[in-house]
N, C-alpha and C. Protein backbone atom coordinates (compact mmCIF):
# COMPACT_ATOMS: atom_id res chain seq x y z
N UNK A 1 -72.59 -105.79 61.17
CA UNK A 1 -71.84 -106.33 60.04
C UNK A 1 -72.72 -106.63 58.86
N UNK A 2 -73.98 -106.92 59.11
CA UNK A 2 -74.87 -107.29 58.01
C UNK A 2 -75.37 -106.09 57.22
N UNK A 3 -75.40 -104.94 57.82
CA UNK A 3 -75.98 -103.77 57.17
C UNK A 3 -75.25 -103.43 55.90
N UNK A 4 -73.92 -103.47 55.86
CA UNK A 4 -73.26 -103.13 54.60
C UNK A 4 -73.62 -104.08 53.48
N UNK A 5 -73.79 -105.36 53.84
CA UNK A 5 -74.14 -106.34 52.78
C UNK A 5 -75.52 -106.05 52.21
N UNK A 6 -76.46 -105.73 53.11
CA UNK A 6 -77.82 -105.41 52.64
C UNK A 6 -77.80 -104.20 51.74
N UNK A 7 -76.99 -103.21 52.10
CA UNK A 7 -76.91 -102.03 51.28
C UNK A 7 -76.27 -102.33 49.94
N UNK A 8 -75.36 -103.28 49.97
CA UNK A 8 -74.68 -103.64 48.72
C UNK A 8 -75.62 -104.35 47.77
N UNK A 9 -76.60 -105.09 48.30
CA UNK A 9 -77.53 -105.83 47.46
C UNK A 9 -78.63 -104.94 46.87
N UNK A 10 -78.92 -103.85 47.49
CA UNK A 10 -80.03 -103.01 47.05
C UNK A 10 -79.88 -102.51 45.61
N UNK A 11 -78.74 -102.04 45.17
CA UNK A 11 -78.61 -101.61 43.77
C UNK A 11 -78.84 -102.74 42.79
N UNK A 12 -78.39 -103.94 43.13
CA UNK A 12 -78.59 -105.08 42.21
C UNK A 12 -80.07 -105.42 42.10
N UNK A 13 -80.78 -105.40 43.25
CA UNK A 13 -82.21 -105.69 43.20
C UNK A 13 -82.96 -104.62 42.41
N UNK A 14 -82.56 -103.38 42.55
CA UNK A 14 -83.21 -102.29 41.81
C UNK A 14 -82.99 -102.47 40.33
N UNK A 15 -81.82 -102.88 39.95
CA UNK A 15 -81.52 -103.09 38.54
C UNK A 15 -82.39 -104.21 37.97
N UNK A 16 -82.58 -105.28 38.74
CA UNK A 16 -83.41 -106.41 38.29
C UNK A 16 -84.86 -105.98 38.14
N UNK A 17 -85.32 -105.18 39.08
CA UNK A 17 -86.70 -104.72 39.00
C UNK A 17 -86.92 -103.83 37.79
N UNK A 18 -85.94 -102.98 37.53
CA UNK A 18 -86.05 -102.11 36.36
C UNK A 18 -86.08 -102.92 35.08
N UNK A 19 -85.26 -103.95 35.03
CA UNK A 19 -85.23 -104.80 33.82
C UNK A 19 -86.55 -105.52 33.63
N UNK A 20 -87.13 -105.97 34.76
CA UNK A 20 -88.42 -106.66 34.68
C UNK A 20 -89.52 -105.73 34.19
N UNK A 21 -89.47 -104.48 34.69
CA UNK A 21 -90.48 -103.50 34.27
C UNK A 21 -90.36 -103.17 32.79
N UNK A 22 -89.11 -103.13 32.32
CA UNK A 22 -88.89 -102.84 30.90
C UNK A 22 -89.33 -104.00 30.03
N UNK A 23 -89.16 -105.22 30.51
CA UNK A 23 -89.49 -106.39 29.69
C UNK A 23 -91.00 -106.61 29.61
N UNK A 24 -91.75 -106.21 30.64
CA UNK A 24 -93.20 -106.44 30.63
C UNK A 24 -93.90 -105.67 29.50
N UNK A 25 -93.65 -104.36 29.26
CA UNK A 25 -94.27 -103.68 28.11
C UNK A 25 -93.88 -104.28 26.79
N UNK A 26 -92.61 -104.71 26.71
CA UNK A 26 -92.18 -105.33 25.46
C UNK A 26 -92.93 -106.62 25.19
N UNK A 27 -93.20 -107.40 26.22
CA UNK A 27 -93.95 -108.64 26.05
C UNK A 27 -95.44 -108.37 25.82
N UNK A 28 -95.92 -107.26 26.38
CA UNK A 28 -97.34 -106.92 26.25
C UNK A 28 -97.68 -106.32 24.87
N UNK A 29 -96.71 -105.71 24.21
CA UNK A 29 -96.95 -104.99 22.96
C UNK A 29 -97.58 -105.86 21.87
N UNK A 30 -97.10 -107.09 21.61
CA UNK A 30 -97.74 -107.91 20.55
C UNK A 30 -99.21 -108.20 20.85
N UNK A 31 -99.54 -108.45 22.12
CA UNK A 31 -100.93 -108.76 22.47
C UNK A 31 -101.82 -107.53 22.26
N UNK A 32 -101.32 -106.37 22.65
CA UNK A 32 -102.08 -105.14 22.44
C UNK A 32 -102.28 -104.87 20.96
N UNK A 33 -101.21 -105.12 20.18
CA UNK A 33 -101.30 -104.90 18.74
C UNK A 33 -102.33 -105.82 18.10
N UNK A 34 -102.33 -107.08 18.54
CA UNK A 34 -103.33 -108.02 18.02
C UNK A 34 -104.74 -107.59 18.40
N UNK A 35 -104.90 -107.09 19.61
CA UNK A 35 -106.22 -106.63 20.05
C UNK A 35 -106.69 -105.44 19.21
N UNK A 36 -105.78 -104.50 18.94
CA UNK A 36 -106.13 -103.33 18.13
C UNK A 36 -106.52 -103.76 16.71
N UNK A 37 -105.74 -104.69 16.13
CA UNK A 37 -106.05 -105.18 14.79
C UNK A 37 -107.42 -105.86 14.76
N UNK A 38 -107.70 -106.64 15.81
CA UNK A 38 -108.99 -107.32 15.88
C UNK A 38 -110.14 -106.32 15.98
N UNK A 39 -109.96 -105.28 16.78
CA UNK A 39 -111.00 -104.26 16.92
C UNK A 39 -111.18 -103.48 15.62
N UNK A 40 -110.07 -103.17 14.97
CA UNK A 40 -110.17 -102.46 13.70
C UNK A 40 -110.90 -103.29 12.65
N UNK A 41 -110.63 -104.59 12.61
CA UNK A 41 -111.33 -105.47 11.66
C UNK A 41 -112.81 -105.54 11.98
N UNK A 42 -113.13 -105.59 13.27
CA UNK A 42 -114.54 -105.64 13.68
C UNK A 42 -115.25 -104.34 13.31
N UNK A 43 -114.57 -103.21 13.52
CA UNK A 43 -115.16 -101.91 13.15
C UNK A 43 -115.38 -101.83 11.64
N UNK A 44 -114.41 -102.32 10.87
CA UNK A 44 -114.55 -102.31 9.41
C UNK A 44 -115.73 -103.17 8.96
N UNK A 45 -115.88 -104.34 9.60
CA UNK A 45 -117.00 -105.24 9.26
C UNK A 45 -118.34 -104.59 9.60
N UNK A 46 -118.40 -103.95 10.77
CA UNK A 46 -119.64 -103.28 11.17
C UNK A 46 -119.95 -102.11 10.25
N UNK A 47 -118.91 -101.39 9.85
CA UNK A 47 -119.10 -100.26 8.93
C UNK A 47 -119.62 -100.75 7.58
N UNK A 48 -119.08 -101.88 7.11
CA UNK A 48 -119.54 -102.45 5.84
C UNK A 48 -120.99 -102.88 5.94
N UNK A 49 -121.36 -103.51 7.05
CA UNK A 49 -122.75 -103.93 7.25
C UNK A 49 -123.67 -102.72 7.31
N UNK A 50 -123.21 -101.66 7.95
CA UNK A 50 -124.02 -100.45 8.03
C UNK A 50 -124.24 -99.84 6.65
N UNK A 51 -123.18 -99.77 5.84
CA UNK A 51 -123.30 -99.21 4.49
C UNK A 51 -124.24 -100.06 3.64
N UNK A 52 -124.15 -101.38 3.77
CA UNK A 52 -125.05 -102.26 3.02
C UNK A 52 -126.50 -102.07 3.45
N UNK A 53 -126.70 -101.93 4.76
CA UNK A 53 -128.06 -101.73 5.26
C UNK A 53 -128.63 -100.40 4.77
N UNK A 54 -127.79 -99.35 4.76
CA UNK A 54 -128.25 -98.06 4.25
C UNK A 54 -128.56 -98.12 2.76
N UNK A 55 -127.73 -98.88 1.99
CA UNK A 55 -127.99 -99.02 0.56
C UNK A 55 -129.30 -99.77 0.32
N UNK A 56 -129.53 -100.85 1.10
CA UNK A 56 -130.78 -101.61 0.97
C UNK A 56 -131.98 -100.73 1.32
N UNK A 57 -131.82 -99.91 2.34
CA UNK A 57 -132.91 -99.03 2.76
C UNK A 57 -133.21 -98.00 1.67
N UNK A 58 -132.17 -97.47 1.03
CA UNK A 58 -132.35 -96.49 -0.03
C UNK A 58 -133.03 -97.14 -1.24
N UNK A 59 -132.61 -98.36 -1.59
CA UNK A 59 -133.25 -99.08 -2.70
C UNK A 59 -134.71 -99.35 -2.41
N UNK A 60 -135.01 -99.72 -1.17
CA UNK A 60 -136.40 -99.97 -0.79
C UNK A 60 -137.22 -98.69 -0.87
N UNK A 61 -136.62 -97.57 -0.45
CA UNK A 61 -137.33 -96.29 -0.52
C UNK A 61 -137.64 -95.91 -1.97
N UNK A 62 -136.65 -96.10 -2.84
CA UNK A 62 -136.86 -95.77 -4.25
C UNK A 62 -137.92 -96.68 -4.87
N UNK A 63 -137.90 -97.95 -4.50
CA UNK A 63 -138.90 -98.88 -5.03
C UNK A 63 -140.30 -98.47 -4.59
N UNK A 64 -140.44 -98.11 -3.34
CA UNK A 64 -141.75 -97.68 -2.84
C UNK A 64 -142.19 -96.38 -3.50
N UNK A 65 -141.23 -95.48 -3.73
CA UNK A 65 -141.57 -94.23 -4.42
C UNK A 65 -142.08 -94.51 -5.83
N UNK A 66 -141.43 -95.47 -6.52
CA UNK A 66 -141.88 -95.84 -7.87
C UNK A 66 -143.27 -96.46 -7.83
N UNK A 67 -143.51 -97.33 -6.85
CA UNK A 67 -144.83 -97.96 -6.73
C UNK A 67 -145.91 -96.92 -6.45
N UNK A 68 -145.59 -95.96 -5.58
CA UNK A 68 -146.56 -94.92 -5.27
C UNK A 68 -146.83 -94.06 -6.50
N UNK A 69 -145.77 -93.73 -7.25
CA UNK A 69 -145.93 -92.93 -8.45
C UNK A 69 -146.75 -93.67 -9.50
N UNK A 70 -146.49 -94.97 -9.68
CA UNK A 70 -147.26 -95.76 -10.64
C UNK A 70 -148.71 -95.87 -10.21
N UNK A 71 -148.93 -96.08 -8.91
CA UNK A 71 -150.31 -96.18 -8.42
C UNK A 71 -151.04 -94.86 -8.64
N UNK A 72 -150.36 -93.75 -8.40
CA UNK A 72 -150.99 -92.45 -8.62
C UNK A 72 -151.27 -92.21 -10.10
N UNK A 73 -150.32 -92.62 -10.95
CA UNK A 73 -150.43 -92.34 -12.38
C UNK A 73 -151.47 -93.23 -13.06
N UNK A 74 -151.54 -94.50 -12.64
CA UNK A 74 -152.40 -95.45 -13.35
C UNK A 74 -153.64 -95.86 -12.56
N UNK A 75 -153.93 -95.15 -11.47
CA UNK A 75 -155.09 -95.52 -10.65
C UNK A 75 -156.39 -95.41 -11.43
N UNK A 76 -156.45 -94.50 -12.39
CA UNK A 76 -157.71 -94.26 -13.12
C UNK A 76 -157.79 -95.10 -14.41
N UNK A 77 -156.87 -96.07 -14.57
CA UNK A 77 -156.82 -96.82 -15.83
C UNK A 77 -158.15 -97.49 -16.15
N UNK A 78 -158.72 -98.21 -15.18
CA UNK A 78 -159.98 -98.91 -15.44
C UNK A 78 -161.13 -97.93 -15.71
N UNK A 79 -161.15 -96.84 -14.96
CA UNK A 79 -162.18 -95.83 -15.17
C UNK A 79 -162.02 -95.20 -16.56
N UNK A 80 -160.77 -94.94 -16.94
CA UNK A 80 -160.51 -94.33 -18.25
C UNK A 80 -160.96 -95.25 -19.38
N UNK A 81 -160.72 -96.55 -19.23
CA UNK A 81 -161.17 -97.49 -20.28
C UNK A 81 -162.68 -97.42 -20.47
N UNK A 82 -163.41 -97.23 -19.37
CA UNK A 82 -164.85 -97.11 -19.49
C UNK A 82 -165.27 -95.84 -20.23
N UNK A 83 -164.49 -94.77 -20.08
CA UNK A 83 -164.83 -93.53 -20.77
C UNK A 83 -164.49 -93.57 -22.26
N UNK A 84 -163.60 -94.48 -22.65
CA UNK A 84 -163.25 -94.55 -24.07
C UNK A 84 -164.47 -94.88 -24.93
N UNK A 85 -165.32 -95.72 -24.42
CA UNK A 85 -166.53 -96.08 -25.17
C UNK A 85 -167.44 -94.86 -25.33
N UNK A 86 -167.48 -94.02 -24.30
CA UNK A 86 -168.28 -92.80 -24.38
C UNK A 86 -167.73 -91.91 -25.50
N UNK A 87 -166.39 -91.76 -25.52
CA UNK A 87 -165.77 -90.94 -26.56
C UNK A 87 -166.05 -91.52 -27.94
N UNK A 88 -166.01 -92.86 -28.08
CA UNK A 88 -166.29 -93.50 -29.37
C UNK A 88 -167.72 -93.22 -29.82
N UNK A 89 -168.65 -93.33 -28.89
CA UNK A 89 -170.06 -93.13 -29.25
C UNK A 89 -170.34 -91.68 -29.66
N UNK A 90 -169.69 -90.74 -28.99
CA UNK A 90 -169.86 -89.34 -29.38
C UNK A 90 -169.33 -89.10 -30.79
N UNK A 91 -168.19 -89.70 -31.10
CA UNK A 91 -167.62 -89.54 -32.43
C UNK A 91 -168.50 -90.21 -33.48
N UNK A 92 -169.04 -91.39 -33.15
CA UNK A 92 -169.93 -92.09 -34.10
C UNK A 92 -171.19 -91.26 -34.35
N UNK A 93 -171.71 -90.66 -33.30
CA UNK A 93 -172.93 -89.85 -33.46
C UNK A 93 -172.68 -88.68 -34.39
N UNK A 94 -171.54 -88.04 -34.26
CA UNK A 94 -171.23 -86.91 -35.12
C UNK A 94 -170.98 -87.36 -36.56
N UNK A 95 -170.34 -88.51 -36.70
CA UNK A 95 -170.03 -89.00 -38.04
C UNK A 95 -171.28 -89.47 -38.78
N UNK A 96 -172.32 -89.84 -38.04
CA UNK A 96 -173.53 -90.38 -38.67
C UNK A 96 -174.46 -89.30 -39.19
N UNK A 97 -174.21 -88.06 -38.85
CA UNK A 97 -175.11 -86.98 -39.28
C UNK A 97 -174.74 -86.53 -40.70
N UNK A 98 -175.66 -86.61 -41.65
CA UNK A 98 -175.38 -86.11 -43.01
C UNK A 98 -175.17 -84.60 -42.98
N UNK A 99 -174.20 -84.10 -43.73
CA UNK A 99 -173.94 -82.65 -43.73
C UNK A 99 -175.15 -81.83 -44.13
N UNK A 100 -175.95 -82.31 -45.06
CA UNK A 100 -177.12 -81.55 -45.51
C UNK A 100 -178.15 -81.41 -44.41
N UNK A 101 -178.28 -82.42 -43.56
CA UNK A 101 -179.25 -82.37 -42.48
C UNK A 101 -178.91 -81.28 -41.48
N UNK A 102 -177.63 -81.05 -41.27
CA UNK A 102 -177.19 -80.04 -40.31
C UNK A 102 -177.66 -78.65 -40.75
N UNK A 103 -177.62 -78.41 -42.06
CA UNK A 103 -178.05 -77.11 -42.58
C UNK A 103 -179.56 -76.99 -42.57
N UNK A 104 -180.24 -78.07 -42.87
CA UNK A 104 -181.69 -78.03 -43.05
C UNK A 104 -182.45 -77.93 -41.73
N UNK A 105 -181.95 -78.58 -40.71
CA UNK A 105 -182.70 -78.68 -39.45
C UNK A 105 -181.95 -77.93 -38.35
N UNK A 106 -182.50 -76.83 -37.92
CA UNK A 106 -181.84 -76.02 -36.89
C UNK A 106 -181.77 -76.76 -35.57
N UNK A 107 -182.81 -77.53 -35.26
CA UNK A 107 -182.82 -78.29 -34.01
C UNK A 107 -181.71 -79.34 -34.01
N UNK A 108 -181.55 -80.00 -35.14
CA UNK A 108 -180.49 -81.00 -35.25
C UNK A 108 -179.12 -80.35 -35.14
N UNK A 109 -178.99 -79.18 -35.73
CA UNK A 109 -177.72 -78.46 -35.66
C UNK A 109 -177.38 -78.12 -34.20
N UNK A 110 -178.39 -77.70 -33.44
CA UNK A 110 -178.17 -77.40 -32.02
C UNK A 110 -177.73 -78.64 -31.26
N UNK A 111 -178.36 -79.77 -31.59
CA UNK A 111 -178.00 -81.03 -30.95
C UNK A 111 -176.56 -81.41 -31.28
N UNK A 112 -176.18 -81.22 -32.53
CA UNK A 112 -174.82 -81.55 -32.95
C UNK A 112 -173.80 -80.69 -32.19
N UNK A 113 -174.11 -79.41 -32.06
CA UNK A 113 -173.21 -78.52 -31.32
C UNK A 113 -173.05 -79.00 -29.88
N UNK A 114 -174.15 -79.45 -29.28
CA UNK A 114 -174.08 -79.97 -27.91
C UNK A 114 -173.21 -81.21 -27.81
N UNK A 115 -173.35 -82.11 -28.80
CA UNK A 115 -172.53 -83.32 -28.80
C UNK A 115 -171.06 -82.97 -28.99
N UNK A 116 -170.79 -82.03 -29.89
CA UNK A 116 -169.41 -81.60 -30.14
C UNK A 116 -168.78 -80.98 -28.88
N UNK A 117 -169.57 -80.20 -28.16
CA UNK A 117 -169.06 -79.59 -26.93
C UNK A 117 -168.79 -80.66 -25.87
N UNK A 118 -169.68 -81.66 -25.81
CA UNK A 118 -169.48 -82.75 -24.86
C UNK A 118 -168.21 -83.53 -25.20
N UNK A 119 -168.01 -83.80 -26.48
CA UNK A 119 -166.81 -84.52 -26.90
C UNK A 119 -165.56 -83.70 -26.58
N UNK A 120 -165.63 -82.41 -26.83
CA UNK A 120 -164.48 -81.54 -26.55
C UNK A 120 -164.15 -81.53 -25.06
N UNK A 121 -165.18 -81.47 -24.22
CA UNK A 121 -164.95 -81.48 -22.77
C UNK A 121 -164.33 -82.80 -22.32
N UNK A 122 -164.80 -83.91 -22.90
CA UNK A 122 -164.27 -85.21 -22.55
C UNK A 122 -162.81 -85.34 -22.97
N UNK A 123 -162.49 -84.88 -24.16
CA UNK A 123 -161.10 -84.94 -24.63
C UNK A 123 -160.20 -84.02 -23.81
N UNK A 124 -160.73 -82.91 -23.36
CA UNK A 124 -159.97 -82.02 -22.49
C UNK A 124 -159.69 -82.69 -21.14
N UNK A 125 -160.69 -83.42 -20.64
CA UNK A 125 -160.50 -84.19 -19.41
C UNK A 125 -159.43 -85.25 -19.60
N UNK A 126 -159.46 -85.94 -20.73
CA UNK A 126 -158.43 -86.93 -21.04
C UNK A 126 -157.04 -86.29 -21.01
N UNK A 127 -156.93 -85.13 -21.62
CA UNK A 127 -155.63 -84.47 -21.71
C UNK A 127 -155.10 -84.10 -20.33
N UNK A 128 -155.98 -83.65 -19.45
CA UNK A 128 -155.54 -83.27 -18.10
C UNK A 128 -155.03 -84.48 -17.33
N UNK A 129 -155.54 -85.65 -17.64
CA UNK A 129 -155.13 -86.87 -16.94
C UNK A 129 -154.16 -87.71 -17.78
N UNK A 130 -153.49 -87.07 -18.74
CA UNK A 130 -152.45 -87.71 -19.57
C UNK A 130 -152.98 -88.90 -20.37
N UNK A 131 -154.22 -88.81 -20.80
CA UNK A 131 -154.80 -89.82 -21.69
C UNK A 131 -154.69 -89.29 -23.11
N UNK A 132 -153.90 -89.97 -23.91
CA UNK A 132 -153.61 -89.48 -25.26
C UNK A 132 -154.21 -90.40 -26.31
N UNK A 133 -154.76 -89.80 -27.34
CA UNK A 133 -155.40 -90.55 -28.42
C UNK A 133 -154.36 -91.03 -29.43
N UNK A 134 -154.51 -92.27 -29.89
CA UNK A 134 -153.64 -92.83 -30.93
C UNK A 134 -154.46 -92.99 -32.19
N UNK A 135 -154.17 -92.19 -33.17
CA UNK A 135 -154.91 -92.24 -34.43
C UNK A 135 -153.91 -92.05 -35.59
N UNK A 136 -153.21 -93.13 -35.97
CA UNK A 136 -152.17 -93.00 -36.99
C UNK A 136 -152.75 -92.62 -38.35
N UNK A 137 -151.94 -91.93 -39.12
CA UNK A 137 -152.35 -91.52 -40.46
C UNK A 137 -151.92 -92.58 -41.48
N UNK A 138 -152.62 -92.66 -42.62
CA UNK A 138 -152.22 -93.62 -43.66
C UNK A 138 -150.77 -93.41 -44.06
N UNK A 139 -150.04 -94.49 -44.15
CA UNK A 139 -148.63 -94.42 -44.50
C UNK A 139 -147.70 -94.49 -43.32
N UNK A 140 -148.23 -94.27 -42.10
CA UNK A 140 -147.37 -94.38 -40.92
C UNK A 140 -146.99 -95.85 -40.69
N UNK A 141 -145.83 -96.04 -40.14
CA UNK A 141 -145.35 -97.40 -39.90
C UNK A 141 -146.21 -98.10 -38.86
N UNK A 142 -146.54 -99.35 -39.12
CA UNK A 142 -147.33 -100.14 -38.16
C UNK A 142 -146.47 -100.41 -36.92
N UNK A 143 -147.02 -100.10 -35.76
CA UNK A 143 -146.32 -100.30 -34.48
C UNK A 143 -147.11 -101.30 -33.64
N UNK A 144 -146.61 -102.52 -33.50
CA UNK A 144 -147.37 -103.53 -32.72
C UNK A 144 -147.55 -103.17 -31.26
N UNK A 145 -146.78 -102.19 -30.76
CA UNK A 145 -146.94 -101.77 -29.37
C UNK A 145 -148.20 -100.93 -29.16
N UNK A 146 -148.67 -100.29 -30.24
CA UNK A 146 -149.82 -99.40 -30.12
C UNK A 146 -150.93 -99.69 -31.14
N UNK A 147 -150.65 -100.52 -32.12
CA UNK A 147 -151.63 -100.80 -33.17
C UNK A 147 -151.97 -102.29 -33.18
N UNK A 148 -153.20 -102.57 -33.55
CA UNK A 148 -153.64 -103.96 -33.73
C UNK A 148 -154.15 -104.11 -35.16
N UNK A 149 -153.48 -104.99 -35.93
CA UNK A 149 -153.86 -105.19 -37.33
C UNK A 149 -155.11 -106.06 -37.42
N UNK A 150 -156.10 -105.58 -38.18
CA UNK A 150 -157.35 -106.31 -38.33
C UNK A 150 -157.45 -106.96 -39.71
N UNK A 151 -156.87 -106.35 -40.72
CA UNK A 151 -156.92 -106.89 -42.07
C UNK A 151 -155.81 -106.24 -42.90
N UNK A 152 -155.62 -106.76 -44.09
CA UNK A 152 -154.65 -106.20 -45.03
C UNK A 152 -155.39 -105.51 -46.18
N UNK A 153 -154.78 -104.46 -46.67
CA UNK A 153 -155.35 -103.68 -47.76
C UNK A 153 -154.34 -103.62 -48.90
N UNK A 154 -154.62 -104.20 -50.07
CA UNK A 154 -153.69 -104.06 -51.20
C UNK A 154 -153.56 -102.59 -51.59
N UNK A 155 -152.34 -102.12 -51.71
CA UNK A 155 -152.12 -100.71 -52.05
C UNK A 155 -150.83 -100.56 -52.85
N UNK A 156 -150.94 -99.82 -53.93
CA UNK A 156 -149.76 -99.52 -54.74
C UNK A 156 -149.10 -98.22 -54.32
N UNK A 157 -149.74 -97.45 -53.48
CA UNK A 157 -149.22 -96.13 -53.09
C UNK A 157 -148.65 -96.09 -51.68
N UNK A 158 -149.07 -97.03 -50.83
CA UNK A 158 -148.59 -97.03 -49.44
C UNK A 158 -147.53 -98.11 -49.26
N UNK A 159 -146.53 -97.86 -48.42
CA UNK A 159 -145.50 -98.87 -48.16
C UNK A 159 -146.11 -100.12 -47.53
N UNK A 160 -145.63 -101.28 -47.93
CA UNK A 160 -146.11 -102.53 -47.35
C UNK A 160 -145.81 -102.54 -45.84
N UNK A 161 -146.79 -102.94 -45.07
CA UNK A 161 -146.62 -102.98 -43.62
C UNK A 161 -146.96 -101.68 -42.92
N UNK A 162 -147.35 -100.65 -43.67
CA UNK A 162 -147.74 -99.38 -43.05
C UNK A 162 -149.24 -99.37 -42.80
N UNK A 163 -149.69 -98.40 -42.03
CA UNK A 163 -151.12 -98.26 -41.73
C UNK A 163 -151.84 -97.75 -42.98
N UNK A 164 -152.90 -98.46 -43.36
CA UNK A 164 -153.69 -98.06 -44.53
C UNK A 164 -154.94 -97.30 -44.11
N UNK A 165 -155.58 -97.74 -43.05
CA UNK A 165 -156.77 -97.05 -42.54
C UNK A 165 -156.96 -97.38 -41.07
N UNK A 166 -157.72 -96.53 -40.39
CA UNK A 166 -157.95 -96.70 -38.96
C UNK A 166 -159.43 -97.00 -38.73
N UNK A 167 -159.71 -98.15 -38.12
CA UNK A 167 -161.09 -98.50 -37.79
C UNK A 167 -161.52 -97.86 -36.46
N UNK A 168 -160.60 -97.87 -35.51
CA UNK A 168 -160.93 -97.35 -34.19
C UNK A 168 -159.65 -96.78 -33.57
N UNK A 169 -159.76 -95.58 -33.03
CA UNK A 169 -158.60 -94.94 -32.41
C UNK A 169 -158.21 -95.68 -31.13
N UNK A 170 -156.92 -95.63 -30.82
CA UNK A 170 -156.43 -96.20 -29.57
C UNK A 170 -156.13 -95.10 -28.57
N UNK A 171 -155.79 -95.51 -27.34
CA UNK A 171 -155.49 -94.53 -26.30
C UNK A 171 -154.38 -95.07 -25.40
N UNK A 172 -153.57 -94.15 -24.87
CA UNK A 172 -152.57 -94.49 -23.87
C UNK A 172 -152.76 -93.60 -22.65
N UNK A 173 -152.49 -94.15 -21.48
CA UNK A 173 -152.51 -93.39 -20.23
C UNK A 173 -151.06 -93.21 -19.81
N UNK A 174 -150.58 -91.95 -19.86
CA UNK A 174 -149.15 -91.68 -19.64
C UNK A 174 -148.37 -92.49 -20.68
N UNK A 175 -147.63 -93.49 -20.25
CA UNK A 175 -146.90 -94.33 -21.21
C UNK A 175 -147.43 -95.76 -21.24
N UNK A 176 -148.62 -95.97 -20.69
CA UNK A 176 -149.20 -97.33 -20.64
C UNK A 176 -150.39 -97.40 -21.61
N UNK A 177 -150.41 -98.46 -22.40
CA UNK A 177 -151.47 -98.63 -23.39
C UNK A 177 -152.79 -98.97 -22.72
N UNK A 178 -153.81 -98.16 -23.04
CA UNK A 178 -155.17 -98.47 -22.58
C UNK A 178 -155.91 -99.33 -23.60
N UNK A 179 -155.74 -98.97 -24.88
CA UNK A 179 -156.41 -99.70 -25.94
C UNK A 179 -155.64 -99.46 -27.25
N UNK A 180 -155.32 -100.54 -27.98
CA UNK A 180 -154.60 -100.33 -29.24
C UNK A 180 -155.52 -99.77 -30.32
N UNK A 181 -154.94 -99.06 -31.26
CA UNK A 181 -155.71 -98.59 -32.41
C UNK A 181 -155.93 -99.76 -33.36
N UNK A 182 -157.17 -99.94 -33.80
CA UNK A 182 -157.50 -101.01 -34.74
C UNK A 182 -157.30 -100.49 -36.16
N UNK A 183 -156.41 -101.13 -36.89
CA UNK A 183 -156.02 -100.59 -38.20
C UNK A 183 -156.02 -101.68 -39.27
N UNK A 184 -156.10 -101.21 -40.51
CA UNK A 184 -155.84 -102.04 -41.66
C UNK A 184 -154.42 -101.78 -42.13
N UNK A 185 -153.73 -102.82 -42.56
CA UNK A 185 -152.32 -102.70 -42.93
C UNK A 185 -152.16 -102.87 -44.43
N UNK A 186 -151.35 -102.02 -45.02
CA UNK A 186 -151.13 -102.07 -46.47
C UNK A 186 -150.25 -103.26 -46.85
N UNK A 187 -150.56 -103.83 -48.01
CA UNK A 187 -149.73 -104.90 -48.56
C UNK A 187 -149.58 -104.64 -50.07
N UNK A 188 -148.57 -105.21 -50.71
CA UNK A 188 -148.40 -104.98 -52.15
C UNK A 188 -149.61 -105.48 -52.93
N UNK A 189 -149.98 -104.78 -53.99
CA UNK A 189 -151.12 -105.23 -54.81
C UNK A 189 -150.77 -106.52 -55.53
N UNK A 190 -151.78 -107.29 -55.95
CA UNK A 190 -151.50 -108.53 -56.68
C UNK A 190 -150.83 -108.24 -58.02
N UNK A 191 -150.08 -109.22 -58.50
CA UNK A 191 -149.40 -109.06 -59.79
C UNK A 191 -150.43 -108.92 -60.90
N UNK A 192 -150.02 -108.27 -62.01
CA UNK A 192 -150.93 -108.01 -63.13
C UNK A 192 -151.11 -109.21 -64.04
N UNK A 193 -150.53 -110.34 -63.66
CA UNK A 193 -150.60 -111.53 -64.52
C UNK A 193 -151.89 -112.29 -64.36
N UNK A 194 -152.85 -111.68 -63.69
CA UNK A 194 -154.13 -112.35 -63.52
C UNK A 194 -154.17 -113.22 -62.28
N UNK A 195 -153.24 -112.98 -61.36
CA UNK A 195 -153.23 -113.75 -60.12
C UNK A 195 -154.53 -113.51 -59.36
N UNK A 196 -155.20 -114.56 -58.90
CA UNK A 196 -156.48 -114.40 -58.20
C UNK A 196 -156.29 -113.63 -56.91
N UNK A 197 -157.24 -112.76 -56.59
CA UNK A 197 -157.21 -112.00 -55.34
C UNK A 197 -158.32 -112.48 -54.43
N UNK A 198 -158.26 -112.00 -53.22
CA UNK A 198 -159.27 -112.40 -52.24
C UNK A 198 -160.53 -111.59 -52.38
N UNK A 199 -160.54 -110.64 -53.32
CA UNK A 199 -161.74 -109.83 -53.54
C UNK A 199 -161.96 -108.80 -52.46
N UNK A 200 -160.87 -108.39 -51.80
CA UNK A 200 -161.01 -107.37 -50.75
C UNK A 200 -160.06 -107.63 -49.63
N UNK A 201 -160.34 -107.04 -48.49
CA UNK A 201 -159.46 -107.16 -47.35
C UNK A 201 -159.59 -108.54 -46.71
N UNK A 202 -158.52 -109.04 -46.18
CA UNK A 202 -158.55 -110.32 -45.47
C UNK A 202 -157.91 -110.16 -44.12
N UNK A 203 -158.35 -110.94 -43.17
CA UNK A 203 -157.82 -110.85 -41.81
C UNK A 203 -156.39 -111.32 -41.81
N UNK A 204 -155.51 -110.52 -41.21
CA UNK A 204 -154.10 -110.89 -41.14
C UNK A 204 -153.84 -111.50 -39.78
N UNK A 205 -153.47 -112.75 -39.76
CA UNK A 205 -153.22 -113.44 -38.51
C UNK A 205 -151.74 -113.51 -38.16
N UNK A 206 -150.89 -112.89 -38.97
CA UNK A 206 -149.46 -112.98 -38.74
C UNK A 206 -148.89 -111.74 -38.11
N UNK A 207 -149.69 -110.69 -37.95
CA UNK A 207 -149.17 -109.43 -37.40
C UNK A 207 -149.62 -109.29 -35.97
C-alpha cells in the first residue's frame, strides 16, 4: 500500500530539487559578477603601474643618454681651455713681427711660416673637436652670453652698445662657452657743447 504513495511523492521531490538547482546559479551570479569586477579593477591598476614604471624607465634611459652625450661632448673642456693660451701666444707672436723684418730676414721668415703652420694645425684640431672661435666684428651687437665688455669707446659711426673692438677672441666648445671674447663697447660721443670727457676709454661696470 505504501509503494504508490512513495511513487506519488517522487515527482514533487524532483520538482523541488530542480527549483533549488535553478535558484543556486541565480544567487551565485551577483557574487561572481563582483569577483570579476574586482579582478578587472586589479588588472587595470596593475596595468597602470606597469605603464608608469615603463615611462619612468624610458625617462631614466633618456636622461642617462643625455648625460653620456654631454660627458662625451664636454670631456675635453678643461684641456681645451689650456690650449686657448697656446693659440693666443701663437697669434701674438705673429702679430709682433714687423712686416719689413719678414722680407729682410729669410731666417725670420722661415720661423714665421713655422709658427703659422703650427697655428693652422691647432685651429684645425679645434675645428675637429667642435671648438669654435668667437671674434666679433666692429658694429656687431654686444652679446653678454659670448662677450665680456672691458671698456666703452665713444663712436659716432658705430651703434651704441655694439662691439667697437676685440681685445681677445673667445671660444665655445659645441654650444658651451669656454671663454668669452673681451671687447670694447661703443657709446655715443660726448656732446659738442664742451662737455668734459674721460680722455679715452673707461671701464664699463654696468654691462
